[in-house]
C-alpha atoms as a PDB file:
ATOM      1  CA  MET A   1     -22.241 -12.215 -44.495  1.00  0.00           C
ATOM      2  CA  PRO A   2     -25.254 -10.058 -43.601  1.00  0.00           C
ATOM      3  CA  GLU A   3     -26.030  -9.591 -39.945  1.00  0.00           C
ATOM      4  CA  PRO A   4     -28.890 -11.785 -38.732  1.00  0.00           C
ATOM      5  CA  LYS A   5     -31.762  -9.700 -37.419  1.00  0.00           C
ATOM      6  CA  VAL A   6     -31.914 -11.018 -33.874  1.00  0.00           C
ATOM      7  CA  GLU A   7     -33.706  -8.580 -31.582  1.00  0.00           C
ATOM      8  CA  MET A   8     -32.272  -8.586 -28.085  1.00  0.00           C
ATOM      9  CA  PHE A   9     -34.604  -5.993 -26.596  1.00  0.00           C
ATOM     10  CA  ALA A  10     -38.034  -4.703 -27.403  1.00  0.00           C
ATOM     11  CA  PRO A  11     -38.090  -1.512 -29.480  1.00  0.00           C
ATOM     12  CA  VAL A  12     -38.028   1.711 -27.521  1.00  0.00           C
ATOM     13  CA  VAL A  13     -40.527   4.373 -28.552  1.00  0.00           C
ATOM     14  CA  ILE A  14     -40.194   7.933 -27.301  1.00  0.00           C
ATOM     15  CA  ASP A  15     -42.683  10.543 -28.552  1.00  0.00           C
ATOM     16  CA  GLY A  16     -43.617   8.275 -31.462  1.00  0.00           C
ATOM     17  CA  ASN A  17     -40.014   7.934 -32.635  1.00  0.00           C
ATOM     18  CA  GLY A  18     -37.833   4.983 -31.834  1.00  0.00           C
ATOM     19  CA  PHE A  19     -35.487   2.364 -33.134  1.00  0.00           C
ATOM     20  CA  GLY A  20     -35.857  -1.325 -33.875  1.00  0.00           C
ATOM     21  CA  GLY A  21     -34.099  -2.621 -30.784  1.00  0.00           C
ATOM     22  CA  CYS A  22     -30.582  -3.880 -30.264  1.00  0.00           C
ATOM     23  CA  THR A  23     -29.210  -6.635 -32.483  1.00  0.00           C
ATOM     24  CA  MET A  24     -26.951  -9.362 -31.164  1.00  0.00           C
ATOM     25  CA  LEU A  25     -24.052  -7.720 -33.022  1.00  0.00           C
ATOM     26  CA  ASP A  26     -24.807  -4.438 -31.222  1.00  0.00           C
ATOM     27  CA  TRP A  27     -24.982  -6.269 -27.897  1.00  0.00           C
ATOM     28  CA  PHE A  28     -21.615  -7.976 -28.432  1.00  0.00           C
ATOM     29  CA  ALA A  29     -20.059  -4.657 -29.524  1.00  0.00           C
ATOM     30  CA  GLY A  30     -21.396  -2.901 -26.446  1.00  0.00           C
ATOM     31  CA  GLN A  31     -20.015  -5.609 -24.191  1.00  0.00           C
ATOM     32  CA  ALA A  32     -16.623  -5.441 -25.923  1.00  0.00           C
ATOM     33  CA  LEU A  33     -16.576  -1.647 -25.668  1.00  0.00           C
ATOM     34  CA  ALA A  34     -17.436  -1.768 -21.958  1.00  0.00           C
ATOM     35  CA  GLY A  35     -14.575  -4.174 -21.354  1.00  0.00           C
ATOM     36  CA  MET A  36     -12.160  -2.120 -23.419  1.00  0.00           C
ATOM     37  CA  LEU A  37     -13.009   1.076 -21.565  1.00  0.00           C
ATOM     38  CA  ALA A  38     -12.945  -0.602 -18.147  1.00  0.00           C
ATOM     39  CA  TYR A  39      -9.259  -1.498 -18.558  1.00  0.00           C
ATOM     40  CA  PRO A  40      -7.264   1.298 -16.937  1.00  0.00           C
ATOM     41  CA  GLY A  41      -4.142   0.567 -18.969  1.00  0.00           C
ATOM     42  CA  ASP A  42      -0.608   1.066 -17.808  1.00  0.00           C
ATOM     43  CA  LEU A  43       2.111   3.648 -18.317  1.00  0.00           C
ATOM     44  CA  SER A  44       3.843   1.818 -21.187  1.00  0.00           C
ATOM     45  CA  ALA A  45       0.849   0.582 -23.189  1.00  0.00           C
ATOM     46  CA  GLY A  46      -1.810   3.114 -22.275  1.00  0.00           C
ATOM     47  CA  SER A  47      -5.476   2.313 -22.766  1.00  0.00           C
ATOM     48  CA  TYR A  48      -8.390   2.974 -25.100  1.00  0.00           C
ATOM     49  CA  HIS A  49      -9.177   5.989 -22.907  1.00  0.00           C
ATOM     50  CA  ASN A  50      -5.821   7.563 -23.714  1.00  0.00           C
ATOM     51  CA  ASN A  51      -4.850   6.176 -27.111  1.00  0.00           C
ATOM     52  CA  SER A  52      -8.054   6.118 -29.151  1.00  0.00           C
ATOM     53  CA  SER A  53     -10.821   8.368 -30.300  1.00  0.00           C
ATOM     54  CA  PRO A  54     -14.391   7.255 -29.541  1.00  0.00           C
ATOM     55  CA  ASP A  55     -14.815   6.375 -33.230  1.00  0.00           C
ATOM     56  CA  ASP A  56     -11.688   4.184 -33.185  1.00  0.00           C
ATOM     57  CA  ALA A  57     -12.771   2.411 -30.005  1.00  0.00           C
ATOM     58  CA  ALA A  58     -16.239   1.763 -31.480  1.00  0.00           C
ATOM     59  CA  GLU A  59     -14.705   0.369 -34.672  1.00  0.00           C
ATOM     60  CA  VAL A  60     -12.528  -2.046 -32.697  1.00  0.00           C
ATOM     61  CA  ALA A  61     -15.519  -3.066 -30.549  1.00  0.00           C
ATOM     62  CA  TYR A  62     -17.472  -3.981 -33.685  1.00  0.00           C
ATOM     63  CA  HIS A  63     -14.498  -5.999 -34.975  1.00  0.00           C
ATOM     64  CA  PHE A  64     -14.617  -8.026 -31.763  1.00  0.00           C
ATOM     65  CA  ALA A  65     -18.400  -8.342 -32.092  1.00  0.00           C
ATOM     66  CA  GLU A  66     -18.126  -9.567 -35.692  1.00  0.00           C
ATOM     67  CA  ALA A  67     -15.617 -12.204 -34.556  1.00  0.00           C
ATOM     68  CA  MET A  68     -18.078 -13.291 -31.863  1.00  0.00           C
ATOM     69  CA  MET A  69     -20.869 -13.611 -34.442  1.00  0.00           C
ATOM     70  CA  LYS A  70     -18.607 -15.616 -36.762  1.00  0.00           C
ATOM     71  CA  ARG A  71     -17.561 -17.962 -33.963  1.00  0.00           C
ATOM     72  CA  ARG A  72     -21.166 -18.324 -32.804  1.00  0.00           C
ATOM     73  CA  ALA A  73     -22.236 -19.324 -36.325  1.00  0.00           C
ATOM     74  CA  ALA A  74     -19.406 -21.854 -36.575  1.00  0.00           C
ATOM     75  CA  LEU A  75     -20.406 -23.421 -33.266  1.00  0.00           C
ATOM     76  CA  ALA A  76     -24.039 -23.612 -34.362  1.00  0.00           C
ATOM     77  CA  GLU A  77     -23.038 -25.369 -37.595  1.00  0.00           C
ATOM     78  CA  SER A  78     -20.994 -27.945 -35.687  1.00  0.00           C
ATOM     79  CA  GLN A  79     -23.934 -28.919 -33.456  1.00  0.00           C
ATOM     80  CA  PRO A  80     -25.928 -31.977 -34.562  1.00  0.00           C
END
């Protein structure tokens, strides 16, 4: 399912170059990543800080974000 183009923030333009804003998927991924990295972990399980590369942590964050988007769509479909 293609990502809906929902702009969360206005585009940022610096020196004439910029990007098209942050999509809802990006927002959810950023929130998931912040939560993942805020957890300090413990000695037996560790944490994303200790057990993952930045690329791995970002991939997992987007998996959580995609699940959020899927659930959001399902809730919207169930509303009258």
